[in-house]
Amino acid sequence: MNLNKTHVGADVILTVDADRIDAANAVYLKDAFTAMTAGETGRIIMDLKAITFMDSSGLGAMVVAMKQLIAPRKLELCNLQPAVNKVFTLTRMYSVFPIHDDLEAATSTGTSGSNNVSAA
C-alpha cells in the first residue's frame, strides 16, 4: 500500500494506492497519515477511488487518523466505491466523516463535505 500526497491550493490530497484497507495494512495507513499530515494546515482529503474493500481494521485506522487532526478539522473522504460506501452506511460513519462524491466536489466546496452517501 502506498499513500500519495498532493496539494490542490491549500488542500492536502492523500490518495490511497491499494485496493483494500484491512488488518494487513491498517497500521501502515495510520503511520503514513501521521507523517504526511504533520505540519499541514489545510483541509485533509483522502481519495479512496482505488479501494474496493475495507474491513473493521481499515475503518478503525480511518477513525484514528481523523482523531490525529486538531478540531474542528476532520478527515474528508471522496470517491467511495460501492463496497466501501456500504461499510460507511452500515456503520453510520457518514455522520462522522465529511464524504464527497469525487475529488472535484471535495476541492470545490472549500468547507467540510456534503456527506453524500447513498443508501446500501
N, C-alpha and C. Protein backbone atom coordinates (compact mmCIF):
# COMPACT_ATOMS: atom_id res chain seq x y z
N MET A 1 0.84 -1.18 0.00
CA MET A 1 0.00 0.00 0.00
C MET A 1 0.88 1.24 0.00
N ASN A 2 0.51 2.20 -0.81
CA ASN A 2 1.17 3.49 -0.83
C ASN A 2 0.15 4.57 -0.56
N LEU A 3 0.59 5.63 0.06
CA LEU A 3 -0.23 6.81 0.29
C LEU A 3 0.50 7.95 -0.39
N ASN A 4 -0.14 8.56 -1.39
CA ASN A 4 0.48 9.63 -2.16
C ASN A 4 -0.12 10.96 -1.76
N LYS A 5 0.74 11.98 -1.65
CA LYS A 5 0.31 13.30 -1.20
C LYS A 5 0.49 14.32 -2.32
N THR A 6 -0.57 15.08 -2.57
CA THR A 6 -0.52 16.20 -3.50
C THR A 6 -1.26 17.37 -2.84
N HIS A 7 -1.14 18.53 -3.45
CA HIS A 7 -1.84 19.72 -2.96
C HIS A 7 -2.71 20.28 -4.07
N VAL A 8 -3.88 20.71 -3.71
CA VAL A 8 -4.75 21.49 -4.60
C VAL A 8 -5.04 22.75 -3.82
N GLY A 9 -4.35 23.82 -4.17
CA GLY A 9 -4.42 25.03 -3.36
C GLY A 9 -3.89 24.70 -1.97
N ALA A 10 -4.65 25.06 -0.94
CA ALA A 10 -4.25 24.76 0.44
C ALA A 10 -4.67 23.37 0.87
N ASP A 11 -5.50 22.71 0.07
CA ASP A 11 -5.99 21.37 0.42
C ASP A 11 -4.89 20.33 0.22
N VAL A 12 -4.82 19.39 1.15
CA VAL A 12 -3.89 18.27 1.06
C VAL A 12 -4.70 17.07 0.61
N ILE A 13 -4.29 16.47 -0.50
CA ILE A 13 -4.97 15.30 -1.04
C ILE A 13 -4.09 14.09 -0.79
N LEU A 14 -4.63 13.12 -0.07
CA LEU A 14 -3.94 11.85 0.17
C LEU A 14 -4.67 10.79 -0.64
N THR A 15 -3.98 10.19 -1.57
CA THR A 15 -4.57 9.16 -2.42
C THR A 15 -4.01 7.81 -2.00
N VAL A 16 -4.92 6.91 -1.68
CA VAL A 16 -4.52 5.57 -1.27
C VAL A 16 -4.34 4.74 -2.53
N ASP A 17 -3.12 4.22 -2.69
CA ASP A 17 -2.79 3.42 -3.86
C ASP A 17 -2.77 1.94 -3.45
N ALA A 18 -3.96 1.39 -3.28
CA ALA A 18 -4.14 -0.01 -2.91
C ALA A 18 -5.59 -0.35 -3.22
N ASP A 19 -5.92 -1.63 -3.21
CA ASP A 19 -7.31 -1.99 -3.48
C ASP A 19 -8.08 -2.32 -2.22
N ARG A 20 -7.37 -2.34 -1.06
CA ARG A 20 -8.06 -2.66 0.19
C ARG A 20 -7.38 -1.99 1.37
N ILE A 21 -8.17 -1.72 2.39
CA ILE A 21 -7.65 -1.27 3.68
C ILE A 21 -8.19 -2.27 4.68
N ASP A 22 -7.27 -3.06 5.23
CA ASP A 22 -7.67 -4.14 6.14
C ASP A 22 -6.62 -4.31 7.23
N ALA A 23 -6.74 -5.36 8.00
CA ALA A 23 -5.83 -5.59 9.13
C ALA A 23 -4.37 -5.65 8.69
N ALA A 24 -4.13 -6.11 7.47
CA ALA A 24 -2.75 -6.25 6.99
C ALA A 24 -2.06 -4.91 6.75
N ASN A 25 -2.81 -3.86 6.46
CA ASN A 25 -2.15 -2.59 6.14
C ASN A 25 -2.69 -1.39 6.92
N ALA A 26 -3.57 -1.62 7.88
CA ALA A 26 -4.16 -0.51 8.65
C ALA A 26 -3.10 0.27 9.42
N VAL A 27 -2.12 -0.41 10.00
CA VAL A 27 -1.07 0.27 10.75
C VAL A 27 -0.25 1.17 9.82
N TYR A 28 0.05 0.67 8.63
CA TYR A 28 0.78 1.48 7.66
C TYR A 28 -0.01 2.75 7.34
N LEU A 29 -1.31 2.62 7.13
CA LEU A 29 -2.14 3.78 6.80
C LEU A 29 -2.06 4.82 7.91
N LYS A 30 -2.19 4.40 9.16
CA LYS A 30 -2.13 5.33 10.28
C LYS A 30 -0.77 6.03 10.34
N ASP A 31 0.30 5.27 10.19
CA ASP A 31 1.65 5.83 10.27
C ASP A 31 1.91 6.80 9.11
N ALA A 32 1.53 6.40 7.91
CA ALA A 32 1.74 7.26 6.74
C ALA A 32 0.90 8.54 6.86
N PHE A 33 -0.32 8.42 7.35
CA PHE A 33 -1.19 9.58 7.54
C PHE A 33 -0.53 10.57 8.50
N THR A 34 0.00 10.06 9.60
CA THR A 34 0.66 10.92 10.58
C THR A 34 1.83 11.66 9.95
N ALA A 35 2.65 10.95 9.22
CA ALA A 35 3.83 11.55 8.60
C ALA A 35 3.45 12.58 7.54
N MET A 36 2.44 12.28 6.75
CA MET A 36 2.09 13.15 5.63
C MET A 36 1.26 14.37 6.03
N THR A 37 0.66 14.34 7.19
CA THR A 37 -0.15 15.49 7.61
C THR A 37 0.56 16.37 8.62
N ALA A 38 1.72 15.93 9.09
CA ALA A 38 2.48 16.73 10.06
C ALA A 38 2.80 18.10 9.47
N GLY A 39 2.45 19.12 10.19
CA GLY A 39 2.75 20.49 9.75
C GLY A 39 1.80 21.06 8.72
N GLU A 40 0.87 20.28 8.23
CA GLU A 40 -0.09 20.77 7.24
C GLU A 40 -1.22 21.53 7.96
N THR A 41 -1.68 22.60 7.34
CA THR A 41 -2.75 23.39 7.96
C THR A 41 -4.02 23.41 7.12
N GLY A 42 -3.94 22.95 5.89
CA GLY A 42 -5.11 22.94 5.01
C GLY A 42 -6.02 21.76 5.30
N ARG A 43 -7.11 21.72 4.55
CA ARG A 43 -8.04 20.59 4.66
C ARG A 43 -7.33 19.31 4.23
N ILE A 44 -7.69 18.19 4.86
CA ILE A 44 -7.12 16.90 4.52
C ILE A 44 -8.23 16.08 3.86
N ILE A 45 -8.01 15.73 2.59
CA ILE A 45 -8.99 14.97 1.82
C ILE A 45 -8.33 13.66 1.38
N MET A 46 -8.96 12.55 1.74
CA MET A 46 -8.42 11.25 1.34
C MET A 46 -9.25 10.70 0.19
N ASP A 47 -8.58 10.43 -0.91
CA ASP A 47 -9.22 9.90 -2.12
C ASP A 47 -9.14 8.37 -2.07
N LEU A 48 -10.30 7.74 -1.97
CA LEU A 48 -10.37 6.29 -1.84
C LEU A 48 -10.81 5.60 -3.13
N LYS A 49 -10.56 6.23 -4.27
CA LYS A 49 -11.07 5.70 -5.54
C LYS A 49 -10.59 4.28 -5.85
N ALA A 50 -9.42 3.89 -5.37
CA ALA A 50 -8.89 2.57 -5.68
C ALA A 50 -9.33 1.50 -4.68
N ILE A 51 -9.90 1.91 -3.57
CA ILE A 51 -10.25 0.96 -2.51
C ILE A 51 -11.57 0.26 -2.83
N THR A 52 -11.50 -1.05 -2.98
CA THR A 52 -12.71 -1.84 -3.25
C THR A 52 -13.14 -2.68 -2.06
N PHE A 53 -12.30 -2.71 -1.00
CA PHE A 53 -12.64 -3.47 0.20
C PHE A 53 -12.08 -2.76 1.42
N MET A 54 -12.90 -2.67 2.47
CA MET A 54 -12.44 -2.14 3.75
C MET A 54 -13.09 -2.95 4.86
N ASP A 55 -12.27 -3.43 5.81
CA ASP A 55 -12.83 -4.17 6.94
C ASP A 55 -12.83 -3.27 8.18
N SER A 56 -13.17 -3.84 9.33
CA SER A 56 -13.26 -3.05 10.55
C SER A 56 -11.91 -2.47 10.96
N SER A 57 -10.84 -3.17 10.66
CA SER A 57 -9.50 -2.63 10.96
C SER A 57 -9.22 -1.40 10.12
N GLY A 58 -9.61 -1.45 8.87
CA GLY A 58 -9.45 -0.30 7.99
C GLY A 58 -10.27 0.88 8.45
N LEU A 59 -11.51 0.61 8.84
CA LEU A 59 -12.37 1.67 9.35
C LEU A 59 -11.79 2.26 10.63
N GLY A 60 -11.28 1.40 11.49
CA GLY A 60 -10.64 1.87 12.71
C GLY A 60 -9.44 2.75 12.43
N ALA A 61 -8.65 2.38 11.43
CA ALA A 61 -7.49 3.20 11.04
C ALA A 61 -7.93 4.57 10.56
N MET A 62 -9.04 4.63 9.85
CA MET A 62 -9.55 5.92 9.38
C MET A 62 -9.97 6.80 10.57
N VAL A 63 -10.61 6.19 11.55
CA VAL A 63 -11.04 6.94 12.74
C VAL A 63 -9.82 7.45 13.51
N VAL A 64 -8.82 6.60 13.70
CA VAL A 64 -7.60 7.02 14.40
C VAL A 64 -6.93 8.16 13.63
N ALA A 65 -6.87 8.05 12.33
CA ALA A 65 -6.26 9.11 11.51
C ALA A 65 -7.00 10.42 11.72
N MET A 66 -8.33 10.38 11.68
CA MET A 66 -9.09 11.60 11.85
C MET A 66 -8.87 12.20 13.23
N LYS A 67 -8.77 11.37 14.25
CA LYS A 67 -8.58 11.87 15.62
C LYS A 67 -7.23 12.55 15.80
N GLN A 68 -6.30 12.32 14.90
CA GLN A 68 -5.00 12.99 14.97
C GLN A 68 -5.09 14.46 14.58
N LEU A 69 -6.13 14.81 13.87
CA LEU A 69 -6.30 16.20 13.43
C LEU A 69 -6.87 17.03 14.58
N ILE A 70 -6.45 18.26 14.67
CA ILE A 70 -6.91 19.15 15.73
C ILE A 70 -8.26 19.73 15.33
N ALA A 71 -9.24 19.59 16.24
CA ALA A 71 -10.60 20.10 15.99
C ALA A 71 -10.52 21.59 15.66
N PRO A 72 -11.33 22.07 14.76
CA PRO A 72 -12.50 21.43 14.17
C PRO A 72 -12.21 20.69 12.86
N ARG A 73 -10.93 20.49 12.54
CA ARG A 73 -10.58 19.79 11.30
C ARG A 73 -11.06 18.36 11.35
N LYS A 74 -11.48 17.87 10.19
CA LYS A 74 -11.89 16.48 10.04
C LYS A 74 -11.22 15.91 8.80
N LEU A 75 -11.05 14.63 8.81
CA LEU A 75 -10.58 13.93 7.62
C LEU A 75 -11.76 13.81 6.67
N GLU A 76 -11.62 14.40 5.49
CA GLU A 76 -12.68 14.34 4.49
C GLU A 76 -12.35 13.23 3.50
N LEU A 77 -13.38 12.55 3.02
CA LEU A 77 -13.19 11.42 2.11
C LEU A 77 -13.90 11.68 0.79
N CYS A 78 -13.38 11.06 -0.26
CA CYS A 78 -14.06 11.15 -1.55
C CYS A 78 -13.85 9.87 -2.35
N ASN A 79 -14.69 9.71 -3.36
CA ASN A 79 -14.60 8.59 -4.30
C ASN A 79 -14.78 7.23 -3.64
N LEU A 80 -15.75 7.10 -2.75
CA LEU A 80 -16.00 5.80 -2.12
C LEU A 80 -16.63 4.85 -3.13
N GLN A 81 -16.01 3.70 -3.29
CA GLN A 81 -16.54 2.66 -4.16
C GLN A 81 -17.72 1.99 -3.46
N PRO A 82 -18.61 1.32 -4.20
CA PRO A 82 -19.84 0.76 -3.61
C PRO A 82 -19.63 -0.08 -2.34
N ALA A 83 -18.67 -0.97 -2.32
CA ALA A 83 -18.46 -1.82 -1.14
C ALA A 83 -18.01 -0.99 0.07
N VAL A 84 -17.16 -0.01 -0.18
CA VAL A 84 -16.68 0.85 0.90
C VAL A 84 -17.80 1.77 1.37
N ASN A 85 -18.57 2.27 0.43
CA ASN A 85 -19.72 3.10 0.75
C ASN A 85 -20.68 2.33 1.67
N LYS A 86 -20.84 1.05 1.39
CA LYS A 86 -21.74 0.21 2.19
C LYS A 86 -21.23 0.11 3.63
N VAL A 87 -19.92 -0.02 3.82
CA VAL A 87 -19.34 -0.08 5.16
C VAL A 87 -19.66 1.21 5.92
N PHE A 88 -19.49 2.35 5.26
CA PHE A 88 -19.76 3.63 5.91
C PHE A 88 -21.25 3.81 6.18
N THR A 89 -22.09 3.26 5.34
CA THR A 89 -23.54 3.34 5.55
C THR A 89 -23.98 2.45 6.70
N LEU A 90 -23.54 1.20 6.70
CA LEU A 90 -23.95 0.26 7.74
C LEU A 90 -23.47 0.67 9.13
N THR A 91 -22.31 1.30 9.20
CA THR A 91 -21.76 1.72 10.48
C THR A 91 -22.14 3.16 10.84
N ARG A 92 -22.85 3.80 9.94
CA ARG A 92 -23.27 5.21 10.10
C ARG A 92 -22.07 6.17 10.25
N MET A 93 -20.94 5.78 9.73
CA MET A 93 -19.75 6.63 9.81
C MET A 93 -19.84 7.82 8.87
N TYR A 94 -20.82 7.83 7.99
CA TYR A 94 -21.04 9.01 7.15
C TYR A 94 -21.41 10.22 8.00
N SER A 95 -21.84 9.99 9.25
CA SER A 95 -22.14 11.11 10.13
C SER A 95 -20.88 11.63 10.83
N VAL A 96 -19.79 10.90 10.72
CA VAL A 96 -18.53 11.29 11.34
C VAL A 96 -17.58 11.93 10.33
N PHE A 97 -17.52 11.36 9.14
CA PHE A 97 -16.62 11.83 8.09
C PHE A 97 -17.38 12.63 7.05
N PRO A 98 -16.91 13.83 6.70
CA PRO A 98 -17.46 14.50 5.53
C PRO A 98 -17.10 13.67 4.29
N ILE A 99 -18.09 13.31 3.49
CA ILE A 99 -17.87 12.46 2.33
C ILE A 99 -18.34 13.19 1.08
N HIS A 100 -17.47 13.22 0.08
CA HIS A 100 -17.74 13.88 -1.19
C HIS A 100 -17.85 12.83 -2.29
N ASP A 101 -18.63 13.12 -3.29
CA ASP A 101 -18.79 12.18 -4.40
C ASP A 101 -17.48 11.92 -5.13
N ASP A 102 -16.71 12.98 -5.37
CA ASP A 102 -15.45 12.84 -6.10
C ASP A 102 -14.48 13.93 -5.65
N LEU A 103 -13.27 13.89 -6.16
CA LEU A 103 -12.24 14.85 -5.77
C LEU A 103 -12.60 16.26 -6.18
N GLU A 104 -13.18 16.41 -7.36
CA GLU A 104 -13.57 17.74 -7.82
C GLU A 104 -14.58 18.37 -6.86
N ALA A 105 -15.57 17.60 -6.42
CA ALA A 105 -16.55 18.11 -5.46
C ALA A 105 -15.88 18.45 -4.14
N ALA A 106 -14.94 17.62 -3.72
CA ALA A 106 -14.25 17.85 -2.44
C ALA A 106 -13.45 19.14 -2.47
N THR A 107 -12.72 19.37 -3.54
CA THR A 107 -11.85 20.55 -3.59
C THR A 107 -12.60 21.82 -3.95
N SER A 108 -13.79 21.70 -4.51
CA SER A 108 -14.53 22.90 -4.87
C SER A 108 -15.41 23.42 -3.75
N THR A 109 -15.65 22.62 -2.70
CA THR A 109 -16.54 23.07 -1.63
C THR A 109 -15.89 24.10 -0.74
N GLY A 110 -14.60 23.94 -0.45
CA GLY A 110 -13.93 24.89 0.42
C GLY A 110 -14.34 24.76 1.87
N THR A 111 -15.29 23.91 2.16
CA THR A 111 -15.73 23.66 3.52
C THR A 111 -15.87 22.17 3.71
N SER A 112 -16.21 21.77 4.89
CA SER A 112 -16.40 20.35 5.14
C SER A 112 -17.49 19.80 4.25
N GLY A 113 -17.38 18.51 3.97
CA GLY A 113 -18.12 17.82 2.93
C GLY A 113 -19.62 17.74 3.03
N SER A 114 -20.15 17.09 2.05
CA SER A 114 -21.58 17.01 1.86
C SER A 114 -22.21 15.79 2.49
N ASN A 115 -21.38 14.84 2.91
CA ASN A 115 -21.88 13.57 3.45
C ASN A 115 -22.84 12.90 2.48
N ASN A 116 -22.54 12.96 1.20
CA ASN A 116 -23.36 12.32 0.18
C ASN A 116 -23.04 10.84 0.11
N VAL A 117 -23.71 10.06 0.91
CA VAL A 117 -23.54 8.62 0.90
C VAL A 117 -24.87 8.02 0.48
N SER A 118 -24.83 7.22 -0.55
CA SER A 118 -26.09 6.60 -0.99
C SER A 118 -26.39 5.41 -0.12
N ALA A 119 -27.63 5.16 0.06
CA ALA A 119 -28.07 4.03 0.90
C ALA A 119 -27.68 2.71 0.26
N ALA A 120 -27.35 1.77 1.09
CA ALA A 120 -26.93 0.45 0.58
C ALA A 120 -28.12 -0.40 0.23
